Amino acid sequence: MIDITTKIHDQFSIEFKVGFVTRRKMRHNDFSVYMWIFVPNSLDINPSTYSKADFYRDVKSNVRLITPRFLMRDIVGDAQSPAGRLRTAMERMASDPTRTAIAEYETQIKIFAAIVKSALREEVHHISSEGQRVEDVCQLSENFCRNATTIVEAYRALRPIINTPSISPTVRACFHYGDEFISYTLNQSTYRLLKRLMQDQEHYAEQIELAAGLIRHEEEYRTQMNYRRVQEDDPLENRDLIYSHGVLKKYIESALYLRVPKKRDGVMIEQLYLSIAAGLSMIFATIVSFYFQQRYGNFTWPFFIVLVISYMGKDRIKELARYYFAHRKGSKYFDNKAKISIGERNIGWIKEGVDFLQRSKIPREVMQLREKDRITPAEQFIMDDKVLLYRKWVHIDRAEMAANNVYHTDGINDIIRLNVNNLIHKMDNPYLSLPCLDEENNLRRIDCKKVYFLNIVMQYQFDGKTDYKRFRVSLSRNGIESIKEIQ
């Protein structure tokens, strides 16, 4: 299956998280995602002002394994639990600190921390979901605090294993990186839980106190370990805290990110098409030359003039043929291809391509979604959007992926970030001032937002099934205002 979620990543970037979840019974899994981007004509985005190179500069894609899923209560347990696997790796490395053992120890720390982060996030999301009864929220919140305490204590209890003369300070530091990341992540998740509980302080007074106590305990621990923490009167320290957490996040999640080196796709086919174009033009020029040579002979003015005209026609035929074949290639092939690798082994590949599209070539289902839920009925008479089609085809070898992972993982996440800076250059001011009268007939002016709507329709296919999603992105000169999924 394919799971798509979207959010505003920052003021000028939209993030699409596309999860490609493989089927266990299928070794070869193929997915396709088509994204039609409808850009208002007034923004002057077209093939002459916005090239493929511009688009690929605006799109950033990170491919990573889906984090192995564990409930918080299952993270600490037997030898096959994340905590048990981490202990085994640490004991093996402490006894024989070879490069292989150190690499495995570091990987297990990263994956353990990533699992904890994912489990904390999912648990808080579940507690905060609509429809939860008061007694359920109370019980779930208490379980969250109890299980979180168990997890951090179990992790920190492993430190003596590597506190030996055989382990270098650099190797021991990896453990503290994981510890600091888990501590920071735990506090952020607990703050989100606390925000939910404070919406009804009357019913959740005990749970609020429990969550607050967990946060205070972690803050004291961070002070004890000299980890950075939020300071009310120290903006430089807070700046460094955000930066260091960003670095730690990249460090921890590096165990899940996959190598995806890109290269151009269809190079051989492109050269073949260009060769055919050159051959067709040469055939035309040669036939014309032979015919008029036989009719007028060599070194005559008519033959000279026809020869010049034939070569002019030859160049035009060559360019027209190149354009035709390039168009055919663009519709059947992709711009880039990248192998997906874990270490040195390939587990699949990704292809991507982008083109401007004529409205007549847009599928009917896509246009029906685009026209749904108009802001004003008059929109139906002004359908002059420019349409970009971004295509992606993903192939995953389930057996290879499983063979290269200690933990079971469902598939991969392709995190696509689309920067809209190039779309806002020709927008009007973000506010327009409109007149109105108050109750006393005094003339007043009100600043109203001036926005443009970017409509995105996504089609995703897997295992013979096709689904669609549509998003309406509100943009202004100041950046992204909102994203709404149109059902």
Protein backbone atom coordinates (compact mmCIF):
# COMPACT_ATOMS: atom_id res chain seq x y z
CA MET A 1 0.00 0.00 0.00
CA ILE A 2 0.94 3.67 -0.27
CA ASP A 3 0.35 6.06 2.62
CA ILE A 4 0.57 9.82 1.96
CA THR A 5 0.60 12.55 4.59
CA THR A 6 1.39 16.22 4.09
CA LYS A 7 2.26 19.18 6.27
CA ILE A 8 3.85 22.62 6.19
CA HIS A 9 7.53 21.99 6.85
CA ASP A 10 8.48 25.66 7.04
CA GLN A 11 7.29 29.02 5.73
CA PHE A 12 8.21 28.17 2.14
CA SER A 13 8.20 24.36 1.99
CA ILE A 14 5.50 21.71 1.73
CA GLU A 15 6.40 18.21 2.92
CA PHE A 16 4.86 15.06 1.47
CA LYS A 17 5.66 11.88 3.36
CA VAL A 18 5.00 8.98 1.01
CA GLY A 19 5.16 5.58 2.67
CA PHE A 20 5.69 2.60 0.36
CA VAL A 21 4.56 -0.39 2.44
CA THR A 22 5.54 -3.72 0.90
CA ARG A 23 3.56 -6.94 0.99
CA ARG A 24 5.34 -9.79 2.75
CA LYS A 25 4.17 -12.42 0.25
CA MET A 26 5.44 -10.44 -2.75
CA ARG A 27 9.18 -10.32 -3.38
CA HIS A 28 9.00 -7.57 -6.01
CA ASN A 29 6.85 -4.58 -5.07
CA ASP A 30 6.18 -1.79 -7.59
CA PHE A 31 4.60 1.55 -6.72
CA SER A 32 3.79 4.61 -8.80
CA VAL A 33 2.88 8.12 -7.69
CA TYR A 34 1.70 10.85 -10.07
CA MET A 35 1.46 14.43 -8.80
CA TRP A 36 -0.38 17.02 -10.92
CA ILE A 37 0.49 20.53 -9.71
CA PHE A 38 -1.96 23.20 -10.93
CA VAL A 39 -0.20 26.59 -10.79
CA PRO A 40 -2.23 29.82 -11.26
CA ASN A 41 -1.50 31.39 -14.64
CA SER A 42 -0.84 34.79 -13.04
CA LEU A 43 2.36 33.43 -11.45
CA ASP A 44 3.94 33.10 -14.93
CA ILE A 45 5.23 29.55 -14.44
CA ASN A 46 5.74 27.86 -17.82
CA PRO A 47 8.43 25.90 -19.72
CA SER A 48 10.27 29.08 -20.71
CA THR A 49 10.42 30.54 -17.18
CA TYR A 50 10.62 27.36 -15.10
CA SER A 51 12.80 24.53 -16.39
CA LYS A 52 13.19 20.96 -15.19
CA ALA A 53 16.45 22.01 -13.52
CA ASP A 54 14.53 24.70 -11.59
CA PHE A 55 11.98 22.14 -10.43
CA TYR A 56 14.60 19.65 -9.24
CA ARG A 57 16.36 22.45 -7.34
CA ASP A 58 13.06 23.16 -5.58
CA VAL A 59 12.41 19.51 -4.71
CA LYS A 60 14.35 17.73 -1.99
CA SER A 61 13.79 14.01 -1.50
CA ASN A 62 15.05 11.86 1.37
CA VAL A 63 14.51 8.10 1.32
CA ARG A 64 14.58 6.15 4.57
CA LEU A 65 13.41 2.88 5.98
CA ILE A 66 10.13 2.99 7.85
CA THR A 67 11.03 2.92 11.54
CA PRO A 68 10.39 -0.55 13.04
CA ARG A 69 7.14 -0.38 14.99
CA PHE A 70 7.00 -1.23 18.69
CA LEU A 71 4.57 -0.33 21.44
CA MET A 72 6.22 1.50 24.33
CA ARG A 73 5.53 -1.46 26.61
CA ASP A 74 7.39 -3.82 24.27
CA ILE A 75 10.63 -1.86 23.87
CA VAL A 76 12.08 -3.27 27.08
CA GLY A 77 11.82 -7.04 27.37
CA ASP A 78 13.56 -10.24 26.35
CA ALA A 79 16.66 -10.66 24.17
CA GLN A 80 14.62 -10.03 20.99
CA SER A 81 13.26 -6.67 22.18
CA PRO A 82 15.06 -3.47 21.13
CA ALA A 83 16.59 -3.09 24.59
CA GLY A 84 17.66 -6.76 24.55
CA ARG A 85 19.29 -6.45 21.11
CA LEU A 86 21.10 -3.30 22.23
CA ARG A 87 22.43 -5.03 25.34
CA THR A 88 23.70 -7.96 23.26
CA ALA A 89 25.48 -5.62 20.82
CA MET A 90 27.07 -3.63 23.67
CA GLU A 91 28.29 -6.75 25.51
CA ARG A 92 29.77 -8.18 22.30
CA MET A 93 31.51 -4.92 21.50
CA ALA A 94 32.85 -4.48 25.06
CA SER A 95 34.35 -8.00 24.97
CA ASP A 96 35.88 -7.64 21.51
CA PRO A 97 35.85 -4.04 20.18
CA THR A 98 36.45 -4.81 16.50
CA ARG A 99 35.32 -2.46 13.76
CA THR A 100 32.40 -4.70 12.95
CA ALA A 101 31.32 -4.90 16.60
CA ILE A 102 31.62 -1.13 17.06
CA ALA A 103 29.60 -0.47 13.91
CA GLU A 104 26.86 -2.85 15.09
CA TYR A 105 26.84 -1.24 18.55
CA GLU A 106 26.47 2.23 17.04
CA THR A 107 23.72 1.08 14.66
CA GLN A 108 21.77 -0.53 17.50
CA ILE A 109 21.94 2.69 19.52
CA LYS A 110 20.62 4.71 16.58
CA ILE A 111 17.81 2.28 15.81
CA PHE A 112 16.86 2.00 19.49
CA ALA A 113 16.60 5.80 19.79
CA ALA A 114 14.59 6.03 16.55
CA ILE A 115 12.20 3.32 17.78
CA VAL A 116 11.72 5.17 21.07
CA LYS A 117 10.98 8.43 19.26
CA SER A 118 8.42 6.76 16.98
CA ALA A 119 6.75 4.90 19.87
CA LEU A 120 6.48 8.09 21.97
CA ARG A 121 4.97 10.01 19.06
CA GLU A 122 2.43 7.30 18.23
CA GLU A 123 1.38 6.91 21.87
CA VAL A 124 0.77 10.64 22.35
CA HIS A 125 -1.11 10.78 19.05
CA HIS A 126 -3.31 7.89 20.21
CA ILE A 127 -4.04 9.53 23.57
CA SER A 128 -4.89 12.83 21.86
CA SER A 129 -7.14 11.28 19.20
CA GLU A 130 -10.82 12.14 19.16
CA GLY A 131 -13.30 9.83 20.84
CA GLN A 132 -11.11 8.81 23.79
CA ARG A 133 -13.07 8.52 27.02
CA VAL A 134 -11.87 10.35 30.13
CA GLU A 135 -11.04 7.12 31.97
CA ASP A 136 -9.10 5.86 28.92
CA VAL A 137 -7.06 9.05 28.70
CA CYS A 138 -6.26 8.77 32.42
CA GLN A 139 -5.10 5.17 32.09
CA LEU A 140 -3.18 5.73 28.86
CA SER A 141 -1.42 8.81 30.27
CA GLU A 142 -0.34 6.92 33.37
CA ASN A 143 0.91 4.05 31.22
CA PHE A 144 2.82 6.53 29.05
CA CYS A 145 4.68 8.01 32.02
CA ARG A 146 5.37 4.60 33.54
CA ASN A 147 6.61 3.03 30.29
CA ALA A 148 8.70 6.12 29.42
CA THR A 149 10.42 5.90 32.80
CA THR A 150 11.08 2.17 32.27
CA ILE A 151 12.61 2.82 28.82
CA VAL A 152 15.03 5.57 29.86
CA GLU A 153 16.07 3.70 33.01
CA ALA A 154 16.68 0.51 31.03
CA TYR A 155 18.80 2.39 28.49
CA ARG A 156 20.86 4.22 31.11
CA ALA A 157 21.39 1.01 33.06
CA LEU A 158 23.43 -0.31 30.11
CA ARG A 159 26.13 2.33 30.47
CA PRO A 160 28.37 0.30 32.85
CA ILE A 161 28.75 -2.35 30.10
CA ILE A 162 30.91 0.01 28.01
CA ASN A 163 32.54 1.89 30.89
CA THR A 164 35.70 -0.20 30.56
CA PRO A 165 39.36 0.54 29.69
CA SER A 166 38.99 -1.35 26.39
CA ILE A 167 36.47 1.17 25.04
CA SER A 168 37.69 4.53 23.77
CA PRO A 169 35.98 7.79 24.80
CA THR A 170 34.87 8.31 21.19
CA VAL A 171 33.02 4.99 21.17
CA ARG A 172 31.49 5.65 24.59
CA ALA A 173 30.30 9.04 23.33
CA CYS A 174 27.89 7.29 20.93
CA PHE A 175 25.95 6.04 23.93
CA HIS A 176 25.62 9.57 25.31
CA TYR A 177 24.45 10.88 21.93
CA GLY A 178 21.62 8.35 22.07
CA ASP A 179 20.91 9.25 25.69
CA GLU A 180 20.67 12.98 24.98
CA PHE A 181 18.47 12.43 21.95
CA ILE A 182 16.08 10.15 23.89
CA SER A 183 15.92 12.65 26.77
CA TYR A 184 15.10 15.56 24.48
CA THR A 185 12.54 13.52 22.51
CA LEU A 186 10.88 12.30 25.71
CA ASN A 187 10.47 15.84 27.00
CA GLN A 188 9.00 17.08 23.70
CA SER A 189 6.50 14.20 23.59
CA THR A 190 5.55 14.72 27.24
CA TYR A 191 4.95 18.42 26.60
CA ARG A 192 2.53 17.47 23.81
CA LEU A 193 0.76 15.09 26.18
CA LEU A 194 0.62 17.80 28.84
CA LYS A 195 -0.95 20.20 26.34
CA ARG A 196 -3.70 17.64 25.67
CA LEU A 197 -4.32 17.01 29.39
CA MET A 198 -4.51 20.72 30.22
CA GLN A 199 -7.55 21.08 27.99
CA ASP A 200 -9.52 19.47 30.82
CA GLN A 201 -7.59 20.09 34.05
CA GLU A 202 -10.55 19.18 36.21
CA HIS A 203 -10.53 15.54 35.10
CA TYR A 204 -6.78 15.10 34.56
CA ALA A 205 -5.22 16.82 37.60
CA GLU A 206 -3.34 13.69 38.71
CA GLN A 207 -2.13 12.89 35.21
CA ILE A 208 -0.95 16.48 34.71
CA GLU A 209 1.09 16.27 37.88
CA LEU A 210 2.54 12.93 36.77
CA ALA A 211 3.56 14.25 33.33
CA ALA A 212 4.99 17.45 34.83
CA GLY A 213 7.02 15.37 37.28
CA LEU A 214 8.45 13.35 34.38
CA ILE A 215 9.51 16.54 32.62
CA ARG A 216 11.11 17.99 35.78
CA HIS A 217 13.00 14.76 36.38
CA GLU A 218 14.40 14.79 32.84
CA GLU A 219 15.39 18.47 33.17
CA GLU A 220 17.31 17.68 36.35
CA TYR A 221 18.97 14.73 34.61
CA ARG A 222 19.96 16.90 31.64
CA THR A 223 21.54 19.42 34.00
CA GLN A 224 23.41 16.64 35.78
CA MET A 225 24.74 15.27 32.46
CA ASN A 226 25.58 18.74 31.07
CA TYR A 227 23.09 18.32 28.23
CA ARG A 228 21.66 21.53 26.83
CA ARG A 229 18.20 22.56 28.00
CA VAL A 230 15.79 25.44 27.42
CA GLN A 231 16.78 28.62 29.29
CA GLU A 232 14.25 31.43 29.71
CA ASP A 233 16.89 34.19 29.73
CA ASP A 234 19.59 32.77 27.47
CA PRO A 235 18.70 33.01 23.74
CA LEU A 236 22.17 31.88 22.66
CA GLU A 237 21.90 28.69 24.70
CA ASN A 238 18.44 28.04 23.23
CA ARG A 239 19.82 28.62 19.74
CA ASP A 240 22.59 26.09 20.37
CA LEU A 241 20.04 23.66 21.83
CA ILE A 242 17.99 23.72 18.60
CA TYR A 243 21.13 23.33 16.50
CA SER A 244 22.55 20.46 18.56
CA HIS A 245 19.22 18.62 18.52
CA GLY A 246 19.12 18.95 14.73
CA VAL A 247 22.59 17.42 14.53
CA LEU A 248 21.64 14.61 16.91
CA LYS A 249 18.47 13.94 14.91
CA LYS A 250 20.50 13.52 11.71
CA TYR A 251 22.99 11.31 13.55
CA ILE A 252 20.33 9.01 15.00
CA GLU A 253 18.25 8.74 11.84
CA SER A 254 21.30 8.09 9.65
CA ALA A 255 20.81 4.39 10.44
CA LEU A 256 17.48 4.50 8.59
CA TYR A 257 18.36 6.78 5.67
CA LEU A 258 19.25 4.99 2.47
CA ARG A 259 21.82 5.82 -0.18
CA VAL A 260 20.02 6.97 -3.33
CA PRO A 261 22.61 8.26 -5.85
CA LYS A 262 20.84 9.71 -8.90
CA LYS A 263 21.77 9.51 -12.55
CA ARG A 264 20.00 10.38 -15.78
CA ASP A 265 17.52 7.80 -17.02
CA GLY A 266 17.13 6.61 -20.62
CA VAL A 267 20.46 7.97 -21.87
CA MET A 268 20.96 5.18 -24.43
CA ILE A 269 17.39 5.55 -25.76
CA GLU A 270 17.87 9.30 -26.04
CA GLN A 271 21.04 8.85 -28.11
CA LEU A 272 19.28 6.30 -30.30
CA TYR A 273 16.42 8.74 -30.96
CA LEU A 274 18.85 11.53 -31.81
CA SER A 275 20.72 9.24 -34.19
CA ILE A 276 17.45 8.35 -35.94
CA ALA A 277 16.62 12.06 -36.27
CA ALA A 278 20.01 12.75 -37.84
CA GLY A 279 19.59 9.76 -40.17
CA LEU A 280 16.14 10.87 -41.38
CA SER A 281 17.41 14.35 -42.19
CA MET A 282 20.41 12.92 -44.05
CA ILE A 283 18.17 10.61 -46.10
CA PHE A 284 16.08 13.61 -47.19
CA ALA A 285 19.14 15.66 -48.20
CA THR A 286 20.74 12.75 -50.05
CA ILE A 287 17.60 11.88 -52.05
CA VAL A 288 17.08 15.51 -53.11
CA SER A 289 20.75 15.84 -54.08
CA PHE A 290 20.77 12.65 -56.18
CA TYR A 291 17.55 13.53 -57.98
CA PHE A 292 18.56 17.05 -59.02
CA GLN A 293 22.11 15.98 -59.83
CA GLN A 294 20.77 13.50 -62.38
CA ARG A 295 18.37 16.08 -63.81
CA TYR A 296 20.62 19.16 -63.99
CA GLY A 297 24.10 17.65 -63.73
CA ASN A 298 27.04 18.73 -61.57
CA PHE A 299 28.24 22.30 -61.12
CA THR A 300 25.09 24.05 -62.37
CA TRP A 301 23.28 26.94 -60.75
CA PRO A 302 19.94 25.05 -60.35
CA PHE A 303 21.74 22.15 -58.70
CA PHE A 304 23.62 24.55 -56.39
CA ILE A 305 20.39 26.31 -55.32
CA VAL A 306 18.55 23.00 -54.72
CA LEU A 307 21.53 21.69 -52.74
CA VAL A 308 21.41 24.72 -50.41
CA ILE A 309 17.62 24.38 -50.00
CA SER A 310 17.93 20.64 -49.30
CA TYR A 311 20.43 21.27 -46.53
CA MET A 312 18.15 23.94 -45.05
CA GLY A 313 15.34 21.38 -45.10
CA LYS A 314 17.68 18.77 -43.64
CA ASP A 315 18.39 20.93 -40.58
CA ARG A 316 14.68 21.62 -40.03
CA ILE A 317 13.78 17.92 -40.36
CA LYS A 318 16.52 17.06 -37.88
CA GLU A 319 15.26 19.56 -35.31
CA LEU A 320 11.61 18.53 -35.78
CA ALA A 321 12.53 14.87 -35.45
CA ARG A 322 14.59 15.61 -32.32
CA TYR A 323 11.62 17.48 -30.83
CA TYR A 324 9.21 14.66 -31.72
CA PHE A 325 11.40 11.93 -30.27
CA ALA A 326 12.19 13.99 -27.19
CA HIS A 327 8.44 14.40 -26.62
CA ARG A 328 7.87 10.66 -27.01
CA LYS A 329 10.75 9.92 -24.72
CA GLY A 330 9.42 12.35 -22.12
CA SER A 331 6.08 10.57 -22.00
CA LYS A 332 7.54 7.06 -21.71
CA TYR A 333 10.78 7.51 -19.78
CA PHE A 334 11.95 9.33 -16.68
CA ASP A 335 14.51 12.06 -16.05
CA ASN A 336 16.42 10.40 -13.23
CA LYS A 337 16.97 6.92 -11.86
CA ALA A 338 18.46 6.08 -8.47
CA LYS A 339 19.36 2.78 -6.86
CA ILE A 340 18.19 2.28 -3.28
CA SER A 341 21.01 0.76 -1.26
CA ILE A 342 21.57 -0.50 2.27
CA GLY A 343 25.32 -0.54 2.66
CA GLU A 344 26.67 -2.02 -0.55
CA ARG A 345 23.57 -4.04 -1.45
CA ASN A 346 20.76 -2.79 -3.67
CA ILE A 347 17.20 -3.29 -2.46
CA GLY A 348 15.43 -1.49 -5.32
CA TRP A 349 15.31 1.67 -7.37
CA ILE A 350 13.39 4.93 -7.84
CA LYS A 351 12.66 6.75 -11.10
CA GLU A 352 11.35 10.30 -11.34
CA GLY A 353 10.33 12.68 -14.09
CA VAL A 354 8.63 16.05 -14.48
CA ASP A 355 6.96 17.75 -17.46
CA PHE A 356 4.53 20.54 -18.23
CA LEU A 357 1.30 18.99 -19.42
CA GLN A 358 -1.45 20.13 -21.79
CA ARG A 359 -4.91 20.09 -20.23
CA SER A 360 -6.16 17.72 -22.94
CA LYS A 361 -3.76 15.05 -21.64
CA ILE A 362 -4.89 15.22 -18.02
CA PRO A 363 -7.03 12.20 -17.01
CA ARG A 364 -10.72 12.88 -16.47
CA GLU A 365 -10.59 11.66 -12.85
CA VAL A 366 -7.87 14.19 -12.07
CA MET A 367 -9.80 17.08 -13.61
CA GLN A 368 -12.93 16.11 -11.69
CA LEU A 369 -10.98 16.28 -8.45
CA ARG A 370 -9.40 19.58 -9.45
CA GLU A 371 -12.81 21.16 -10.14
CA LYS A 372 -14.33 19.88 -6.91
CA ASP A 373 -15.08 22.31 -4.05
CA ARG A 374 -14.42 25.58 -5.87
CA ILE A 375 -13.92 28.73 -3.83
CA THR A 376 -16.32 30.54 -6.19
CA PRO A 377 -18.48 29.12 -9.03
CA ALA A 378 -16.85 31.58 -11.46
CA GLU A 379 -13.68 29.48 -11.32
CA GLN A 380 -15.14 27.09 -13.88
CA PHE A 381 -14.88 29.81 -16.55
CA ILE A 382 -11.22 30.63 -15.81
CA MET A 383 -9.38 27.31 -15.95
CA ASP A 384 -6.03 28.61 -17.19
CA ASP A 385 -3.70 26.96 -14.68
CA LYS A 386 -0.33 25.73 -15.86
CA VAL A 387 0.03 22.05 -15.01
CA LEU A 388 3.22 20.30 -13.90
CA LEU A 389 3.22 16.50 -13.74
CA TYR A 390 5.76 14.97 -11.33
CA ARG A 391 6.02 11.19 -11.70
CA LYS A 392 7.67 8.63 -9.46
CA TRP A 393 8.06 4.88 -9.88
CA VAL A 394 9.47 2.83 -7.00
CA HIS A 395 10.59 -0.80 -7.06
CA ILE A 396 11.51 -2.64 -3.85
CA ASP A 397 12.94 -6.13 -3.52
CA ARG A 398 11.33 -7.35 -0.33
CA ALA A 399 13.75 -10.27 0.13
CA GLU A 400 16.85 -8.06 -0.21
CA MET A 401 15.41 -5.48 2.19
CA ALA A 402 14.64 -8.14 4.82
CA ALA A 403 18.07 -9.77 4.43
CA ASN A 404 19.82 -6.48 5.24
CA ASN A 405 17.84 -5.60 8.37
CA VAL A 406 17.95 -6.95 11.90
CA TYR A 407 14.45 -5.59 12.55
CA HIS A 408 11.36 -6.15 10.47
CA THR A 409 10.46 -3.00 8.55
CA ASP A 410 7.33 -2.39 6.50
CA GLY A 411 9.04 -0.58 3.63
CA ILE A 412 10.45 2.86 2.91
CA ASN A 413 9.39 6.47 3.36
CA ASP A 414 10.10 8.96 0.60
CA ILE A 415 10.03 12.41 2.20
CA ILE A 416 9.52 15.01 -0.53
CA ARG A 417 9.88 18.71 0.23
CA LEU A 418 8.68 21.20 -2.37
CA ASN A 419 10.02 24.73 -1.97
CA VAL A 420 7.66 27.41 -3.34
CA ASN A 421 10.07 30.36 -3.42
CA ASN A 422 10.15 30.34 -7.23
CA LEU A 423 6.35 30.53 -7.34
CA ILE A 424 5.95 33.70 -5.31
CA HIS A 425 8.19 36.13 -7.22
CA LYS A 426 5.33 37.64 -9.21
CA MET A 427 2.68 37.64 -6.50
CA ASP A 428 0.96 40.84 -5.36
CA ASN A 429 1.42 42.27 -1.88
CA PRO A 430 0.21 39.88 0.83
CA TYR A 431 -2.50 42.30 2.00
CA LEU A 432 -5.00 44.49 0.19
CA SER A 433 -6.74 47.35 1.98
CA LEU A 434 -10.53 47.44 1.46
CA PRO A 435 -12.92 50.19 2.63
CA CYS A 436 -15.92 49.63 4.92
CA LEU A 437 -18.31 51.63 7.11
CA ASP A 438 -18.67 51.19 10.85
CA GLU A 439 -21.95 51.57 12.76
CA GLU A 440 -21.51 55.36 12.89
CA ASN A 441 -20.92 55.64 9.12
CA ASN A 442 -17.23 56.34 9.57
CA LEU A 443 -15.05 55.16 6.73
CA ARG A 444 -12.53 52.54 7.74
CA ARG A 445 -10.09 50.32 5.88
CA ILE A 446 -9.46 46.68 6.60
CA ASP A 447 -6.37 44.74 5.53
CA CYS A 448 -7.42 41.54 3.75
CA LYS A 449 -5.12 38.69 2.80
CA LYS A 450 -4.26 38.27 -0.87
CA VAL A 451 -3.67 34.57 -1.53
CA TYR A 452 -3.16 32.23 -4.48
CA PHE A 453 -4.22 28.61 -4.51
CA LEU A 454 -1.92 25.83 -5.60
CA ASN A 455 -3.98 22.70 -6.30
CA ILE A 456 -2.23 19.35 -6.10
CA VAL A 457 -3.86 16.08 -7.19
CA MET A 458 -2.01 12.85 -6.41
CA GLN A 459 -2.66 9.46 -7.96
CA TYR A 460 -0.98 6.45 -6.37
CA GLN A 461 -1.02 2.87 -7.59
CA PHE A 462 0.01 -0.42 -6.02
CA ASP A 463 -0.99 -4.02 -6.57
CA GLY A 464 -3.55 -3.09 -9.23
CA LYS A 465 -5.30 -0.53 -7.01
CA THR A 466 -5.54 3.19 -7.78
CA ASP A 467 -6.38 5.95 -5.30
CA TYR A 468 -6.41 9.74 -5.40
CA LYS A 469 -5.82 12.62 -3.01
CA ARG A 470 -6.23 16.35 -3.57
CA PHE A 471 -4.68 19.17 -1.59
CA ARG A 472 -5.32 22.90 -1.78
CA VAL A 473 -2.29 24.97 -0.76
CA SER A 474 -2.88 28.62 0.12
CA LEU A 475 0.12 30.81 -0.80
CA SER A 476 0.89 34.49 -0.38
CA ARG A 477 3.93 36.70 -0.82
CA ASN A 478 4.81 35.79 2.79
CA GLY A 479 4.87 32.06 2.03
CA ILE A 480 2.56 29.14 2.77
CA GLU A 481 -0.62 30.01 4.64
CA SER A 482 -2.33 26.60 4.90
CA ILE A 483 -2.81 23.15 3.39
CA LYS A 484 -6.23 21.53 3.18
CA GLU A 485 -7.11 18.07 1.89
CA ILE A 486 -10.21 18.17 -0.30
CA GLN A 487 -12.26 15.03 0.29
